Amino acid sequence: PATLTVFLPILSALSETLLINPLHTLIPSTMC
């Protein structure tokens, strides 16, 4: 849970910055 709490906002901001659908990054990362 700590890893998710730290990295999901980072990956969400990264996805928005790179104009990628955030779900394409967040869902696989959550599973990993």
PDB file of all heavy atoms in Angstrom:
ATOM      1  N   PRO A   1       0.815  -1.224   0.000  1.00  0.00           N
ATOM      2  CA  PRO A   1       0.000   0.000   0.000  1.00  0.00           C
ATOM      3  C   PRO A   1       0.846   1.271   0.000  1.00  0.00           C
ATOM      4  O   PRO A   1       0.483   2.258  -0.632  1.00  0.00           O
ATOM      5  CB  PRO A   1      -0.815  -0.107   1.293  1.00  0.00           C
ATOM      6  CG  PRO A   1      -0.799  -1.546   1.651  1.00  0.00           C
ATOM      7  CD  PRO A   1       0.489  -2.090   1.129  1.00  0.00           C
ATOM      8  N   ALA A   2       1.973   1.247   0.687  1.00  0.00           N
ATOM      9  CA  ALA A   2       2.830   2.434   0.700  1.00  0.00           C
ATOM     10  C   ALA A   2       3.409   2.688  -0.688  1.00  0.00           C
ATOM     11  O   ALA A   2       3.474   3.838  -1.137  1.00  0.00           O
ATOM     12  CB  ALA A   2       3.952   2.258   1.717  1.00  0.00           C
ATOM     13  N   THR A   3       3.819   1.631  -1.365  1.00  0.00           N
ATOM     14  CA  THR A   3       4.354   1.786  -2.722  1.00  0.00           C
ATOM     15  C   THR A   3       3.304   2.383  -3.648  1.00  0.00           C
ATOM     16  O   THR A   3       3.585   3.299  -4.426  1.00  0.00           O
ATOM     17  CB  THR A   3       4.837   0.433  -3.265  1.00  0.00           C
ATOM     18  OG1 THR A   3       5.821  -0.103  -2.377  1.00  0.00           O
ATOM     19  CG2 THR A   3       5.425   0.567  -4.648  1.00  0.00           C
ATOM     20  N   LEU A   4       2.084   1.886  -3.548  1.00  0.00           N
ATOM     21  CA  LEU A   4       1.012   2.424  -4.385  1.00  0.00           C
ATOM     22  C   LEU A   4       0.709   3.875  -4.040  1.00  0.00           C
ATOM     23  O   LEU A   4       0.507   4.697  -4.934  1.00  0.00           O
ATOM     24  CB  LEU A   4      -0.257   1.582  -4.228  1.00  0.00           C
ATOM     25  CG  LEU A   4      -0.244   0.239  -4.934  1.00  0.00           C
ATOM     26  CD1 LEU A   4      -1.500  -0.538  -4.616  1.00  0.00           C
ATOM     27  CD2 LEU A   4      -0.098   0.414  -6.432  1.00  0.00           C
ATOM     28  N   THR A   5       0.676   4.181  -2.761  1.00  0.00           N
ATOM     29  CA  THR A   5       0.354   5.537  -2.348  1.00  0.00           C
ATOM     30  C   THR A   5       1.408   6.527  -2.825  1.00  0.00           C
ATOM     31  O   THR A   5       1.095   7.669  -3.157  1.00  0.00           O
ATOM     32  CB  THR A   5       0.221   5.612  -0.814  1.00  0.00           C
ATOM     33  OG1 THR A   5      -0.746   4.647  -0.394  1.00  0.00           O
ATOM     34  CG2 THR A   5      -0.231   6.966  -0.357  1.00  0.00           C
ATOM     35  N   VAL A   6       2.657   6.097  -2.881  1.00  0.00           N
ATOM     36  CA  VAL A   6       3.725   6.980  -3.347  1.00  0.00           C
ATOM     37  C   VAL A   6       3.725   7.082  -4.871  1.00  0.00           C
ATOM     38  O   VAL A   6       3.805   8.172  -5.437  1.00  0.00           O
ATOM     39  CB  VAL A   6       5.107   6.491  -2.852  1.00  0.00           C
ATOM     40  CG1 VAL A   6       6.232   7.234  -3.542  1.00  0.00           C
ATOM     41  CG2 VAL A   6       5.218   6.644  -1.346  1.00  0.00           C
ATOM     42  N   PHE A   7       3.623   5.937  -5.555  1.00  0.00           N
ATOM     43  CA  PHE A   7       3.867   5.935  -6.996  1.00  0.00           C
ATOM     44  C   PHE A   7       2.652   6.230  -7.872  1.00  0.00           C
ATOM     45  O   PHE A   7       2.823   6.713  -8.991  1.00  0.00           O
ATOM     46  CB  PHE A   7       4.500   4.614  -7.425  1.00  0.00           C
ATOM     47  CG  PHE A   7       5.968   4.579  -7.164  1.00  0.00           C
ATOM     48  CD1 PHE A   7       6.472   3.948  -6.041  1.00  0.00           C
ATOM     49  CD2 PHE A   7       6.848   5.203  -8.012  1.00  0.00           C
ATOM     50  CE1 PHE A   7       7.817   3.934  -5.777  1.00  0.00           C
ATOM     51  CE2 PHE A   7       8.205   5.201  -7.759  1.00  0.00           C
ATOM     52  CZ  PHE A   7       8.690   4.561  -6.639  1.00  0.00           C
ATOM     53  N   LEU A   8       1.447   5.946  -7.424  1.00  0.00           N
ATOM     54  CA  LEU A   8       0.309   6.214  -8.300  1.00  0.00           C
ATOM     55  C   LEU A   8       0.145   7.701  -8.621  1.00  0.00           C
ATOM     56  O   LEU A   8      -0.096   8.039  -9.789  1.00  0.00           O
ATOM     57  CB  LEU A   8      -0.976   5.611  -7.719  1.00  0.00           C
ATOM     58  CG  LEU A   8      -1.061   4.084  -7.785  1.00  0.00           C
ATOM     59  CD1 LEU A   8      -2.424   3.604  -7.321  1.00  0.00           C
ATOM     60  CD2 LEU A   8      -0.738   3.540  -9.159  1.00  0.00           C
ATOM     61  N   PRO A   9       0.295   8.604  -7.658  1.00  0.00           N
ATOM     62  CA  PRO A   9       0.246  10.023  -8.059  1.00  0.00           C
ATOM     63  C   PRO A   9       1.392  10.424  -8.996  1.00  0.00           C
ATOM     64  O   PRO A   9       1.196  11.231  -9.911  1.00  0.00           O
ATOM     65  CB  PRO A   9       0.345  10.778  -6.733  1.00  0.00           C
ATOM     66  CG  PRO A   9      -0.111   9.814  -5.704  1.00  0.00           C
ATOM     67  CD  PRO A   9       0.309   8.464  -6.205  1.00  0.00           C
ATOM     68  N   ILE A  10       2.567   9.844  -8.791  1.00  0.00           N
ATOM     69  CA  ILE A  10       3.696  10.132  -9.677  1.00  0.00           C
ATOM     70  C   ILE A  10       3.385   9.657 -11.085  1.00  0.00           C
ATOM     71  O   ILE A  10       3.565  10.388 -12.065  1.00  0.00           O
ATOM     72  CB  ILE A  10       4.982   9.463  -9.158  1.00  0.00           C
ATOM     73  CG1 ILE A  10       5.440  10.108  -7.858  1.00  0.00           C
ATOM     74  CG2 ILE A  10       6.094   9.530 -10.201  1.00  0.00           C
ATOM     75  CD1 ILE A  10       6.587   9.385  -7.182  1.00  0.00           C
ATOM     76  N   LEU A  11       2.909   8.419 -11.197  1.00  0.00           N
ATOM     77  CA  LEU A  11       2.618   7.867 -12.521  1.00  0.00           C
ATOM     78  C   LEU A  11       1.436   8.560 -13.175  1.00  0.00           C
ATOM     79  O   LEU A  11       1.405   8.706 -14.400  1.00  0.00           O
ATOM     80  CB  LEU A  11       2.372   6.362 -12.407  1.00  0.00           C
ATOM     81  CG  LEU A  11       3.589   5.544 -11.963  1.00  0.00           C
ATOM     82  CD1 LEU A  11       3.207   4.085 -11.761  1.00  0.00           C
ATOM     83  CD2 LEU A  11       4.723   5.675 -12.960  1.00  0.00           C
ATOM     84  N   SER A  12       0.488   8.999 -12.383  1.00  0.00           N
ATOM     85  CA  SER A  12      -0.642   9.743 -12.941  1.00  0.00           C
ATOM     86  C   SER A  12      -0.183  11.071 -13.516  1.00  0.00           C
ATOM     87  O   SER A  12      -0.561  11.440 -14.640  1.00  0.00           O
ATOM     88  CB  SER A  12      -1.696   9.959 -11.850  1.00  0.00           C
ATOM     89  OG  SER A  12      -2.771  10.687 -12.360  1.00  0.00           O
ATOM     90  N   ALA A  13       0.634  11.791 -12.760  1.00  0.00           N
ATOM     91  CA  ALA A  13       1.167  13.068 -13.259  1.00  0.00           C
ATOM     92  C   ALA A  13       2.049  12.848 -14.483  1.00  0.00           C
ATOM     93  O   ALA A  13       2.004  13.626 -15.437  1.00  0.00           O
ATOM     94  CB  ALA A  13       1.952  13.769 -12.158  1.00  0.00           C
ATOM     95  N   LEU A  14       2.834  11.772 -14.461  1.00  0.00           N
ATOM     96  CA  LEU A  14       3.684  11.457 -15.603  1.00  0.00           C
ATOM     97  C   LEU A  14       2.841  11.173 -16.843  1.00  0.00           C
ATOM     98  O   LEU A  14       3.137  11.665 -17.935  1.00  0.00           O
ATOM     99  CB  LEU A  14       4.572  10.253 -15.287  1.00  0.00           C
ATOM    100  CG  LEU A  14       5.428   9.715 -16.426  1.00  0.00           C
ATOM    101  CD1 LEU A  14       6.459  10.755 -16.849  1.00  0.00           C
ATOM    102  CD2 LEU A  14       6.099   8.423 -16.018  1.00  0.00           C
ATOM    103  N   SER A  15       1.791  10.394 -16.675  1.00  0.00           N
ATOM    104  CA  SER A  15       0.914  10.069 -17.810  1.00  0.00           C
ATOM    105  C   SER A  15       0.264  11.315 -18.384  1.00  0.00           C
ATOM    106  O   SER A  15       0.164  11.471 -19.605  1.00  0.00           O
ATOM    107  CB  SER A  15      -0.165   9.078 -17.376  1.00  0.00           C
ATOM    108  OG  SER A  15       0.419   7.864 -16.988  1.00  0.00           O
ATOM    109  N   GLU A  16      -0.172  12.211 -17.514  1.00  0.00           N
ATOM    110  CA  GLU A  16      -0.781  13.453 -17.995  1.00  0.00           C
ATOM    111  C   GLU A  16       0.247  14.315 -18.728  1.00  0.00           C
ATOM    112  O   GLU A  16      -0.065  14.914 -19.748  1.00  0.00           O
ATOM    113  CB  GLU A  16      -1.378  14.225 -16.828  1.00  0.00           C
ATOM    114  CG  GLU A  16      -2.599  13.564 -16.234  1.00  0.00           C
ATOM    115  CD  GLU A  16      -3.089  14.259 -14.980  1.00  0.00           C
ATOM    116  OE1 GLU A  16      -2.605  15.370 -14.685  1.00  0.00           O
ATOM    117  OE2 GLU A  16      -3.950  13.685 -14.300  1.00  0.00           O
ATOM    118  N   THR A  17       1.462  14.349 -18.200  1.00  0.00           N
ATOM    119  CA  THR A  17       2.516  15.141 -18.833  1.00  0.00           C
ATOM    120  C   THR A  17       2.864  14.589 -20.212  1.00  0.00           C
ATOM    121  O   THR A  17       3.093  15.349 -21.157  1.00  0.00           O
ATOM    122  CB  THR A  17       3.777  15.153 -17.950  1.00  0.00           C
ATOM    123  OG1 THR A  17       3.437  15.695 -16.671  1.00  0.00           O
ATOM    124  CG2 THR A  17       4.877  15.991 -18.563  1.00  0.00           C
ATOM    125  N   LEU A  18       2.890  13.258 -20.339  1.00  0.00           N
ATOM    126  CA  LEU A  18       3.265  12.618 -21.605  1.00  0.00           C
ATOM    127  C   LEU A  18       2.076  12.392 -22.529  1.00  0.00           C
ATOM    128  O   LEU A  18       2.227  11.786 -23.589  1.00  0.00           O
ATOM    129  CB  LEU A  18       3.959  11.285 -21.316  1.00  0.00           C
ATOM    130  CG  LEU A  18       5.221  11.348 -20.462  1.00  0.00           C
ATOM    131  CD1 LEU A  18       5.801   9.957 -20.270  1.00  0.00           C
ATOM    132  CD2 LEU A  18       6.246  12.274 -21.081  1.00  0.00           C
ATOM    133  N   LEU A  19       0.889  12.848 -22.115  1.00  0.00           N
ATOM    134  CA  LEU A  19      -0.345  12.693 -22.893  1.00  0.00           C
ATOM    135  C   LEU A  19      -0.664  11.224 -23.185  1.00  0.00           C
ATOM    136  O   LEU A  19      -1.007  10.842 -24.303  1.00  0.00           O
ATOM    137  CB  LEU A  19      -0.268  13.502 -24.190  1.00  0.00           C
ATOM    138  CG  LEU A  19      -0.041  15.003 -24.024  1.00  0.00           C
ATOM    139  CD1 LEU A  19       0.141  15.664 -25.372  1.00  0.00           C
ATOM    140  CD2 LEU A  19      -1.159  15.643 -23.232  1.00  0.00           C
ATOM    141  N   ILE A  20      -0.518  10.387 -22.137  1.00  0.00           N
ATOM    142  CA  ILE A  20      -0.850   8.967 -22.206  1.00  0.00           C
ATOM    143  C   ILE A  20      -2.077   8.754 -21.319  1.00  0.00           C
ATOM    144  O   ILE A  20      -2.203   9.393 -20.271  1.00  0.00           O
ATOM    145  CB  ILE A  20       0.313   8.094 -21.676  1.00  0.00           C
ATOM    146  CG1 ILE A  20       1.564   8.311 -22.510  1.00  0.00           C
ATOM    147  CG2 ILE A  20      -0.056   6.629 -21.654  1.00  0.00           C
ATOM    148  CD1 ILE A  20       2.801   7.640 -21.926  1.00  0.00           C
ATOM    149  N   ASN A  21      -2.961   7.869 -21.723  1.00  0.00           N
ATOM    150  CA  ASN A  21      -4.091   7.522 -20.868  1.00  0.00           C
ATOM    151  C   ASN A  21      -3.545   6.976 -19.547  1.00  0.00           C
ATOM    152  O   ASN A  21      -2.823   5.980 -19.546  1.00  0.00           O
ATOM    153  CB  ASN A  21      -4.966   6.476 -21.554  1.00  0.00           C
ATOM    154  CG  ASN A  21      -6.205   6.136 -20.749  1.00  0.00           C
ATOM    155  OD1 ASN A  21      -6.358   6.544 -19.602  1.00  0.00           O
ATOM    156  ND2 ASN A  21      -7.097   5.404 -21.379  1.00  0.00           N
ATOM    157  N   PRO A  22      -3.844   7.597 -18.403  1.00  0.00           N
ATOM    158  CA  PRO A  22      -3.286   7.155 -17.126  1.00  0.00           C
ATOM    159  C   PRO A  22      -3.606   5.695 -16.783  1.00  0.00           C
ATOM    160  O   PRO A  22      -2.817   5.028 -16.111  1.00  0.00           O
ATOM    161  CB  PRO A  22      -3.917   8.101 -16.103  1.00  0.00           C
ATOM    162  CG  PRO A  22      -4.285   9.308 -16.869  1.00  0.00           C
ATOM    163  CD  PRO A  22      -4.630   8.823 -18.243  1.00  0.00           C
ATOM    164  N   LEU A  23      -4.725   5.194 -17.256  1.00  0.00           N
ATOM    165  CA  LEU A  23      -5.081   3.803 -16.947  1.00  0.00           C
ATOM    166  C   LEU A  23      -4.102   2.808 -17.564  1.00  0.00           C
ATOM    167  O   LEU A  23      -3.885   1.734 -17.017  1.00  0.00           O
ATOM    168  CB  LEU A  23      -6.503   3.498 -17.416  1.00  0.00           C
ATOM    169  CG  LEU A  23      -7.608   4.276 -16.695  1.00  0.00           C
ATOM    170  CD1 LEU A  23      -8.960   3.914 -17.281  1.00  0.00           C
ATOM    171  CD2 LEU A  23      -7.569   4.018 -15.212  1.00  0.00           C
ATOM    172  N   HIS A  24      -3.490   3.193 -18.677  1.00  0.00           N
ATOM    173  CA  HIS A  24      -2.523   2.302 -19.323  1.00  0.00           C
ATOM    174  C   HIS A  24      -1.240   2.163 -18.512  1.00  0.00           C
ATOM    175  O   HIS A  24      -0.479   1.218 -18.702  1.00  0.00           O
ATOM    176  CB  HIS A  24      -2.195   2.783 -20.724  1.00  0.00           C
ATOM    177  CG  HIS A  24      -3.358   2.696 -21.656  1.00  0.00           C
ATOM    178  ND1 HIS A  24      -3.409   3.382 -22.841  1.00  0.00           N
ATOM    179  CD2 HIS A  24      -4.526   2.019 -21.583  1.00  0.00           C
ATOM    180  CE1 HIS A  24      -4.544   3.133 -23.459  1.00  0.00           C
ATOM    181  NE2 HIS A  24      -5.246   2.315 -22.704  1.00  0.00           N
ATOM    182  N   THR A  25      -0.990   3.093 -17.633  1.00  0.00           N
ATOM    183  CA  THR A  25       0.179   3.033 -16.763  1.00  0.00           C
ATOM    184  C   THR A  25      -0.188   2.570 -15.354  1.00  0.00           C
ATOM    185  O   THR A  25       0.514   1.759 -14.762  1.00  0.00           O
ATOM    186  CB  THR A  25       0.843   4.422 -16.682  1.00  0.00           C
ATOM    187  OG1 THR A  25       1.097   4.885 -18.001  1.00  0.00           O
ATOM    188  CG2 THR A  25       2.140   4.367 -15.924  1.00  0.00           C
ATOM    189  N   LEU A  26      -1.310   3.062 -14.837  1.00  0.00           N
ATOM    190  CA  LEU A  26      -1.677   2.790 -13.447  1.00  0.00           C
ATOM    191  C   LEU A  26      -2.125   1.356 -13.200  1.00  0.00           C
ATOM    192  O   LEU A  26      -1.747   0.750 -12.189  1.00  0.00           O
ATOM    193  CB  LEU A  26      -2.769   3.763 -12.988  1.00  0.00           C
ATOM    194  CG  LEU A  26      -2.401   5.240 -13.023  1.00  0.00           C
ATOM    195  CD1 LEU A  26      -3.563   6.095 -12.557  1.00  0.00           C
ATOM    196  CD2 LEU A  26      -1.177   5.511 -12.192  1.00  0.00           C
ATOM    197  N   ILE A  27      -2.912   0.798 -14.095  1.00  0.00           N
ATOM    198  CA  ILE A  27      -3.418  -0.569 -13.870  1.00  0.00           C
ATOM    199  C   ILE A  27      -2.300  -1.605 -13.899  1.00  0.00           C
ATOM    200  O   ILE A  27      -2.187  -2.418 -12.967  1.00  0.00           O
ATOM    201  CB  ILE A  27      -4.556  -0.897 -14.859  1.00  0.00           C
ATOM    202  CG1 ILE A  27      -5.784  -0.057 -14.510  1.00  0.00           C
ATOM    203  CG2 ILE A  27      -4.902  -2.388 -14.814  1.00  0.00           C
ATOM    204  CD1 ILE A  27      -6.925  -0.183 -15.481  1.00  0.00           C
ATOM    205  N   PRO A  28      -1.417  -1.616 -14.912  1.00  0.00           N
ATOM    206  CA  PRO A  28      -0.315  -2.593 -14.866  1.00  0.00           C
ATOM    207  C   PRO A  28       0.613  -2.385 -13.675  1.00  0.00           C
ATOM    208  O   PRO A  28       1.080  -3.355 -13.069  1.00  0.00           O
ATOM    209  CB  PRO A  28       0.436  -2.373 -16.183  1.00  0.00           C
ATOM    210  CG  PRO A  28      -0.527  -1.699 -17.081  1.00  0.00           C
ATOM    211  CD  PRO A  28      -1.422  -0.898 -16.201  1.00  0.00           C
ATOM    212  N   SER A  29       0.868  -1.139 -13.309  1.00  0.00           N
ATOM    213  CA  SER A  29       1.733  -0.879 -12.160  1.00  0.00           C
ATOM    214  C   SER A  29       1.102  -1.380 -10.865  1.00  0.00           C
ATOM    215  O   SER A  29       1.792  -1.944 -10.010  1.00  0.00           O
ATOM    216  CB  SER A  29       2.021   0.615 -12.045  1.00  0.00           C
ATOM    217  OG  SER A  29       2.693   1.066 -13.191  1.00  0.00           O
ATOM    218  N   THR A  30      -0.185  -1.188 -10.725  1.00  0.00           N
ATOM    219  CA  THR A  30      -0.888  -1.673  -9.535  1.00  0.00           C
ATOM    220  C   THR A  30      -0.816  -3.191  -9.448  1.00  0.00           C
ATOM    221  O   THR A  30      -0.621  -3.754  -8.363  1.00  0.00           O
ATOM    222  CB  THR A  30      -2.354  -1.208  -9.556  1.00  0.00           C
ATOM    223  OG1 THR A  30      -2.378   0.221  -9.610  1.00  0.00           O
ATOM    224  CG2 THR A  30      -3.095  -1.672  -8.329  1.00  0.00           C
ATOM    225  N   MET A  31      -0.952  -3.849 -10.573  1.00  0.00           N
ATOM    226  CA  MET A  31      -0.856  -5.313 -10.578  1.00  0.00           C
ATOM    227  C   MET A  31       0.561  -5.766 -10.232  1.00  0.00           C
ATOM    228  O   MET A  31       0.741  -6.754  -9.513  1.00  0.00           O
ATOM    229  CB  MET A  31      -1.290  -5.864 -11.934  1.00  0.00           C
ATOM    230  CG  MET A  31      -2.770  -5.668 -12.193  1.00  0.00           C
ATOM    231  SD  MET A  31      -3.286  -6.186 -13.826  1.00  0.00           S
ATOM    232  CE  MET A  31      -2.861  -7.883 -13.820  1.00  0.00           C
ATOM    233  N   CYS A  32       1.565  -5.056 -10.709  1.00  0.00           N
ATOM    234  CA  CYS A  32       2.956  -5.437 -10.440  1.00  0.00           C
ATOM    235  C   CYS A  32       3.332  -5.268  -8.972  1.00  0.00           C
ATOM    236  O   CYS A  32       4.221  -5.968  -8.487  1.00  0.00           O
ATOM    237  CB  CYS A  32       3.901  -4.625 -11.312  1.00  0.00           C
ATOM    238  SG  CYS A  32       3.889  -5.140 -13.029  1.00  0.00           S
TER     239      CYS A  32
END
